[in-house]
Amino acid sequence: QVPLVESGGGLVQPGGSLRLSCVVSRSIFSSSAIGWYRQAPGNERELLARISAAGSTSHEESVLGRFSISRDETKNTVYLQMNNLEPEDTAVYYCAAGRSMWYLATGQVDVWGQGTQVTVSS
């Protein structure tokens, strides 16, 4: 089983919304923190939001109020709801697993998904 599989990316107009999904293998889902990241061309990969195995969340200031991370234990899935999207949000979005929220915040990721492209354009 692939550890992490993202989906939900696509083309959206400015001001629109998308919900990204990250299906996580059961063993990782129950024991790891999951984070959403993005990487635009020419930029470094940046952390957007994190959620612990217990459900605690943290959002980076750059997306606070527009993006929201959540999880569904019945589906082993972590979501990233993105609202009021801007062209600057165009990037490849990745989910990743780490030992804890702190590990993700310090860049210590155990496994990455393959990424999903989000393009915000009129």
N, C-alpha and C. Protein backbone atom coordinates (compact mmCIF):
# COMPACT_ATOMS: atom_id res chain seq x y z
N GLN A 1 0.84 -1.19 0.00
CA GLN A 1 0.00 0.00 0.00
C GLN A 1 0.88 1.24 0.00
N VAL A 2 0.50 2.19 -0.87
CA VAL A 2 1.22 3.46 -0.91
C VAL A 2 0.89 4.22 0.36
N PRO A 3 1.90 4.73 1.06
CA PRO A 3 1.65 5.35 2.37
C PRO A 3 0.72 6.56 2.33
N LEU A 4 0.92 7.43 1.35
CA LEU A 4 0.15 8.67 1.28
C LEU A 4 -0.23 8.91 -0.18
N VAL A 5 -1.48 9.21 -0.44
CA VAL A 5 -1.94 9.49 -1.79
C VAL A 5 -2.81 10.74 -1.77
N GLU A 6 -2.34 11.78 -2.48
CA GLU A 6 -3.09 13.03 -2.55
C GLU A 6 -4.01 13.02 -3.76
N SER A 7 -5.08 13.78 -3.65
CA SER A 7 -5.98 14.02 -4.78
C SER A 7 -6.74 15.31 -4.54
N GLY A 8 -7.46 15.76 -5.57
CA GLY A 8 -8.30 16.94 -5.41
C GLY A 8 -7.77 18.20 -6.05
N GLY A 9 -6.57 18.15 -6.58
CA GLY A 9 -6.04 19.34 -7.24
C GLY A 9 -6.72 19.58 -8.56
N GLY A 10 -6.41 20.73 -9.15
CA GLY A 10 -6.99 21.07 -10.44
C GLY A 10 -6.87 22.54 -10.72
N LEU A 11 -7.63 22.98 -11.71
CA LEU A 11 -7.66 24.38 -12.11
C LEU A 11 -8.87 25.06 -11.49
N VAL A 12 -8.65 26.19 -10.85
CA VAL A 12 -9.75 26.92 -10.21
C VAL A 12 -9.54 28.41 -10.45
N GLN A 13 -10.62 29.14 -10.53
CA GLN A 13 -10.53 30.59 -10.73
C GLN A 13 -10.20 31.29 -9.42
N PRO A 14 -9.60 32.46 -9.50
CA PRO A 14 -9.34 33.23 -8.28
C PRO A 14 -10.63 33.44 -7.48
N GLY A 15 -10.51 33.29 -6.18
CA GLY A 15 -11.68 33.39 -5.31
C GLY A 15 -12.40 32.07 -5.09
N GLY A 16 -12.02 31.06 -5.85
CA GLY A 16 -12.67 29.76 -5.74
C GLY A 16 -12.11 28.93 -4.60
N SER A 17 -12.64 27.71 -4.49
CA SER A 17 -12.26 26.79 -3.41
C SER A 17 -11.92 25.42 -3.97
N LEU A 18 -11.08 24.73 -3.24
CA LEU A 18 -10.75 23.33 -3.53
C LEU A 18 -10.58 22.60 -2.20
N ARG A 19 -10.86 21.31 -2.21
CA ARG A 19 -10.55 20.49 -1.05
C ARG A 19 -9.62 19.37 -1.48
N LEU A 20 -8.44 19.37 -0.92
CA LEU A 20 -7.47 18.33 -1.20
C LEU A 20 -7.65 17.19 -0.20
N SER A 21 -7.42 15.98 -0.67
CA SER A 21 -7.51 14.80 0.18
C SER A 21 -6.18 14.08 0.21
N CYS A 22 -5.86 13.52 1.34
CA CYS A 22 -4.65 12.71 1.50
C CYS A 22 -5.08 11.41 2.19
N VAL A 23 -5.13 10.34 1.43
CA VAL A 23 -5.46 9.04 2.01
C VAL A 23 -4.18 8.44 2.58
N VAL A 24 -4.25 8.09 3.85
CA VAL A 24 -3.07 7.67 4.60
C VAL A 24 -3.21 6.19 4.97
N SER A 25 -2.14 5.44 4.87
CA SER A 25 -2.20 4.05 5.29
C SER A 25 -2.54 3.99 6.77
N ARG A 26 -3.26 2.95 7.16
CA ARG A 26 -3.81 2.89 8.51
C ARG A 26 -2.74 2.99 9.59
N SER A 27 -1.64 2.33 9.42
CA SER A 27 -0.61 2.33 10.45
C SER A 27 -0.01 3.72 10.65
N ILE A 28 0.13 4.45 9.56
CA ILE A 28 0.67 5.81 9.65
C ILE A 28 -0.38 6.75 10.22
N PHE A 29 -1.62 6.59 9.80
CA PHE A 29 -2.69 7.50 10.21
C PHE A 29 -2.85 7.51 11.73
N SER A 30 -2.76 6.36 12.35
CA SER A 30 -3.02 6.26 13.78
C SER A 30 -1.85 6.67 14.66
N SER A 31 -0.68 6.86 14.06
CA SER A 31 0.50 7.11 14.89
C SER A 31 1.30 8.34 14.49
N SER A 32 0.89 9.03 13.44
CA SER A 32 1.72 10.12 12.92
C SER A 32 0.95 11.43 12.83
N ALA A 33 1.71 12.50 12.86
CA ALA A 33 1.16 13.79 12.47
C ALA A 33 1.24 13.90 10.95
N ILE A 34 0.26 14.56 10.38
CA ILE A 34 0.21 14.74 8.93
C ILE A 34 0.23 16.23 8.63
N GLY A 35 1.03 16.59 7.65
CA GLY A 35 1.11 17.99 7.26
C GLY A 35 0.83 18.17 5.79
N TRP A 36 0.35 19.37 5.46
CA TRP A 36 0.19 19.77 4.06
C TRP A 36 1.26 20.82 3.75
N TYR A 37 1.90 20.64 2.61
CA TYR A 37 2.96 21.52 2.14
C TYR A 37 2.65 21.90 0.69
N ARG A 38 3.35 22.91 0.20
CA ARG A 38 3.26 23.23 -1.21
C ARG A 38 4.62 23.72 -1.70
N GLN A 39 4.80 23.56 -3.00
CA GLN A 39 6.02 24.05 -3.62
C GLN A 39 5.69 24.63 -4.98
N ALA A 40 5.95 25.91 -5.11
CA ALA A 40 5.77 26.60 -6.38
C ALA A 40 7.09 26.60 -7.14
N PRO A 41 7.06 26.72 -8.46
CA PRO A 41 8.30 26.72 -9.24
C PRO A 41 9.27 27.78 -8.75
N GLY A 42 10.49 27.36 -8.51
CA GLY A 42 11.52 28.29 -8.07
C GLY A 42 11.51 28.60 -6.59
N ASN A 43 10.54 28.03 -5.88
CA ASN A 43 10.43 28.28 -4.43
C ASN A 43 10.73 27.03 -3.63
N GLU A 44 11.06 27.22 -2.38
CA GLU A 44 11.25 26.09 -1.49
C GLU A 44 9.88 25.54 -1.07
N ARG A 45 9.89 24.29 -0.66
CA ARG A 45 8.66 23.69 -0.16
C ARG A 45 8.32 24.32 1.18
N GLU A 46 7.05 24.71 1.35
CA GLU A 46 6.64 25.38 2.58
C GLU A 46 5.52 24.62 3.27
N LEU A 47 5.59 24.62 4.58
CA LEU A 47 4.57 24.00 5.40
C LEU A 47 3.36 24.92 5.48
N LEU A 48 2.16 24.34 5.36
CA LEU A 48 0.93 25.12 5.40
C LEU A 48 0.13 24.83 6.67
N ALA A 49 -0.03 23.56 7.01
CA ALA A 49 -0.87 23.17 8.14
C ALA A 49 -0.49 21.78 8.59
N ARG A 50 -0.76 21.51 9.88
CA ARG A 50 -0.44 20.21 10.48
C ARG A 50 -1.60 19.73 11.34
N ILE A 51 -1.71 18.42 11.45
CA ILE A 51 -2.70 17.83 12.34
C ILE A 51 -2.09 16.63 13.02
N SER A 52 -2.27 16.55 14.32
CA SER A 52 -1.67 15.45 15.08
C SER A 52 -2.53 14.21 15.00
N ALA A 53 -1.98 13.11 15.50
CA ALA A 53 -2.74 11.86 15.55
C ALA A 53 -3.96 11.99 16.45
N ALA A 54 -3.90 12.92 17.38
CA ALA A 54 -5.03 13.15 18.29
C ALA A 54 -6.01 14.18 17.76
N GLY A 55 -5.66 14.83 16.65
CA GLY A 55 -6.58 15.78 16.04
C GLY A 55 -6.28 17.24 16.30
N SER A 56 -5.22 17.55 17.01
CA SER A 56 -4.84 18.95 17.19
C SER A 56 -4.32 19.52 15.88
N THR A 57 -4.62 20.79 15.65
CA THR A 57 -4.25 21.40 14.39
C THR A 57 -3.40 22.65 14.59
N SER A 58 -2.65 22.97 13.55
CA SER A 58 -1.87 24.20 13.51
C SER A 58 -1.80 24.66 12.07
N HIS A 59 -2.03 25.96 11.87
CA HIS A 59 -1.99 26.54 10.52
C HIS A 59 -0.94 27.64 10.48
N GLU A 60 -0.19 27.69 9.40
CA GLU A 60 0.78 28.75 9.24
C GLU A 60 0.06 30.07 8.95
N GLU A 61 0.71 31.15 9.35
CA GLU A 61 0.08 32.46 9.23
C GLU A 61 -0.25 32.80 7.79
N SER A 62 0.52 32.29 6.85
CA SER A 62 0.32 32.64 5.44
C SER A 62 -1.03 32.16 4.91
N VAL A 63 -1.61 31.14 5.54
CA VAL A 63 -2.87 30.60 5.06
C VAL A 63 -3.97 30.65 6.11
N LEU A 64 -3.65 31.18 7.28
CA LEU A 64 -4.63 31.24 8.37
C LEU A 64 -5.87 32.00 7.94
N GLY A 65 -7.01 31.39 8.17
CA GLY A 65 -8.27 32.01 7.80
C GLY A 65 -8.76 31.64 6.41
N ARG A 66 -7.88 31.12 5.57
CA ARG A 66 -8.28 30.69 4.22
C ARG A 66 -8.22 29.18 4.06
N PHE A 67 -7.24 28.55 4.66
CA PHE A 67 -7.05 27.10 4.55
C PHE A 67 -7.36 26.45 5.90
N SER A 68 -7.88 25.22 5.84
CA SER A 68 -8.22 24.51 7.07
C SER A 68 -7.92 23.03 6.91
N ILE A 69 -7.18 22.48 7.86
CA ILE A 69 -6.84 21.06 7.84
C ILE A 69 -7.80 20.30 8.75
N SER A 70 -8.16 19.10 8.33
CA SER A 70 -9.04 18.26 9.14
C SER A 70 -8.76 16.81 8.80
N ARG A 71 -9.36 15.90 9.57
CA ARG A 71 -9.15 14.48 9.30
C ARG A 71 -10.43 13.70 9.54
N ASP A 72 -10.58 12.61 8.82
CA ASP A 72 -11.71 11.71 8.97
C ASP A 72 -11.15 10.34 9.32
N GLU A 73 -11.33 9.94 10.56
CA GLU A 73 -10.76 8.67 11.02
C GLU A 73 -11.41 7.47 10.35
N THR A 74 -12.65 7.61 9.93
CA THR A 74 -13.33 6.48 9.29
C THR A 74 -12.80 6.21 7.89
N LYS A 75 -12.13 7.21 7.32
CA LYS A 75 -11.62 7.07 5.95
C LYS A 75 -10.09 7.15 5.90
N ASN A 76 -9.45 7.26 7.05
CA ASN A 76 -7.98 7.42 7.09
C ASN A 76 -7.53 8.53 6.15
N THR A 77 -8.24 9.63 6.18
CA THR A 77 -8.00 10.71 5.22
C THR A 77 -7.82 12.03 5.95
N VAL A 78 -6.86 12.81 5.47
CA VAL A 78 -6.64 14.17 5.95
C VAL A 78 -6.98 15.11 4.81
N TYR A 79 -7.70 16.16 5.13
CA TYR A 79 -8.15 17.12 4.11
C TYR A 79 -7.47 18.46 4.30
N LEU A 80 -7.40 19.20 3.20
CA LEU A 80 -7.02 20.60 3.25
C LEU A 80 -8.08 21.37 2.47
N GLN A 81 -8.93 22.06 3.20
CA GLN A 81 -9.94 22.92 2.58
C GLN A 81 -9.31 24.26 2.27
N MET A 82 -9.36 24.66 1.02
CA MET A 82 -8.73 25.91 0.59
C MET A 82 -9.81 26.83 0.02
N ASN A 83 -9.97 27.99 0.62
CA ASN A 83 -10.97 28.95 0.20
C ASN A 83 -10.31 30.24 -0.26
N ASN A 84 -11.07 31.01 -1.03
CA ASN A 84 -10.59 32.31 -1.51
C ASN A 84 -9.19 32.19 -2.13
N LEU A 85 -9.05 31.26 -3.04
CA LEU A 85 -7.75 31.00 -3.63
C LEU A 85 -7.28 32.15 -4.49
N GLU A 86 -5.96 32.33 -4.50
CA GLU A 86 -5.32 33.41 -5.24
C GLU A 86 -4.32 32.81 -6.22
N PRO A 87 -3.97 33.53 -7.28
CA PRO A 87 -2.97 33.00 -8.22
C PRO A 87 -1.67 32.60 -7.53
N GLU A 88 -1.34 33.29 -6.43
CA GLU A 88 -0.10 32.97 -5.70
C GLU A 88 -0.18 31.62 -5.00
N ASP A 89 -1.36 31.03 -4.94
CA ASP A 89 -1.50 29.70 -4.34
C ASP A 89 -1.17 28.59 -5.33
N THR A 90 -0.91 28.94 -6.58
CA THR A 90 -0.56 27.95 -7.57
C THR A 90 0.73 27.23 -7.18
N ALA A 91 0.66 25.91 -7.10
CA ALA A 91 1.80 25.12 -6.65
C ALA A 91 1.44 23.64 -6.71
N VAL A 92 2.44 22.81 -6.48
CA VAL A 92 2.18 21.39 -6.23
C VAL A 92 2.02 21.24 -4.71
N TYR A 93 0.93 20.61 -4.33
CA TYR A 93 0.61 20.43 -2.92
C TYR A 93 0.91 18.99 -2.51
N TYR A 94 1.57 18.84 -1.38
CA TYR A 94 1.98 17.54 -0.87
C TYR A 94 1.46 17.33 0.54
N CYS A 95 1.12 16.10 0.85
CA CYS A 95 0.94 15.75 2.25
C CYS A 95 2.15 14.91 2.69
N ALA A 96 2.39 14.92 3.97
CA ALA A 96 3.56 14.23 4.51
C ALA A 96 3.28 13.79 5.93
N ALA A 97 3.98 12.74 6.34
CA ALA A 97 3.81 12.21 7.69
C ALA A 97 5.10 12.35 8.48
N GLY A 98 4.94 12.63 9.76
CA GLY A 98 6.07 12.72 10.66
C GLY A 98 5.70 12.23 12.04
N ARG A 99 6.68 12.08 12.90
CA ARG A 99 6.45 11.51 14.22
C ARG A 99 5.52 12.37 15.07
N SER A 100 5.60 13.67 14.89
CA SER A 100 4.78 14.57 15.69
C SER A 100 4.67 15.91 15.00
N MET A 101 3.82 16.76 15.55
CA MET A 101 3.67 18.12 15.03
C MET A 101 5.03 18.82 15.04
N TRP A 102 5.79 18.63 16.10
CA TRP A 102 7.08 19.30 16.21
C TRP A 102 8.03 18.83 15.13
N TYR A 103 8.04 17.52 14.85
CA TYR A 103 8.91 16.99 13.80
C TYR A 103 8.56 17.62 12.46
N LEU A 104 7.28 17.73 12.16
CA LEU A 104 6.89 18.35 10.89
C LEU A 104 7.32 19.81 10.85
N ALA A 105 7.15 20.51 11.94
CA ALA A 105 7.50 21.92 11.96
C ALA A 105 9.00 22.14 11.76
N THR A 106 9.80 21.16 12.12
CA THR A 106 11.25 21.28 11.98
C THR A 106 11.77 20.55 10.74
N GLY A 107 10.85 20.18 9.86
CA GLY A 107 11.25 19.60 8.59
C GLY A 107 11.62 18.13 8.61
N GLN A 108 11.32 17.47 9.69
CA GLN A 108 11.70 16.06 9.83
C GLN A 108 10.52 15.18 9.40
N VAL A 109 10.43 14.99 8.10
CA VAL A 109 9.34 14.23 7.50
C VAL A 109 9.79 12.80 7.24
N ASP A 110 8.92 11.85 7.58
CA ASP A 110 9.24 10.44 7.37
C ASP A 110 8.87 9.98 5.97
N VAL A 111 7.74 10.47 5.45
CA VAL A 111 7.31 10.01 4.13
C VAL A 111 6.47 11.10 3.47
N TRP A 112 6.64 11.25 2.15
CA TRP A 112 5.93 12.23 1.34
C TRP A 112 4.95 11.54 0.40
N GLY A 113 3.88 12.25 0.11
CA GLY A 113 3.02 11.83 -0.98
C GLY A 113 3.61 12.27 -2.30
N GLN A 114 2.90 11.93 -3.39
CA GLN A 114 3.44 12.22 -4.72
C GLN A 114 3.11 13.64 -5.20
N GLY A 115 2.18 14.29 -4.54
CA GLY A 115 1.81 15.66 -4.88
C GLY A 115 0.62 15.74 -5.81
N THR A 116 -0.07 16.88 -5.73
CA THR A 116 -1.19 17.17 -6.62
C THR A 116 -1.11 18.64 -7.02
N GLN A 117 -1.31 18.91 -8.30
CA GLN A 117 -1.14 20.26 -8.83
C GLN A 117 -2.40 21.08 -8.59
N VAL A 118 -2.19 22.29 -8.08
CA VAL A 118 -3.27 23.27 -7.94
C VAL A 118 -2.88 24.50 -8.76
N THR A 119 -3.76 24.87 -9.66
CA THR A 119 -3.52 26.05 -10.50
C THR A 119 -4.68 27.01 -10.32
N VAL A 120 -4.35 28.23 -9.92
CA VAL A 120 -5.37 29.27 -9.72
C VAL A 120 -5.19 30.30 -10.83
N SER A 121 -6.15 30.35 -11.72
CA SER A 121 -6.02 31.23 -12.87
C SER A 121 -7.39 31.49 -13.47
N SER A 122 -7.53 32.69 -14.03
CA SER A 122 -8.78 33.01 -14.73
C SER A 122 -8.66 32.70 -16.22
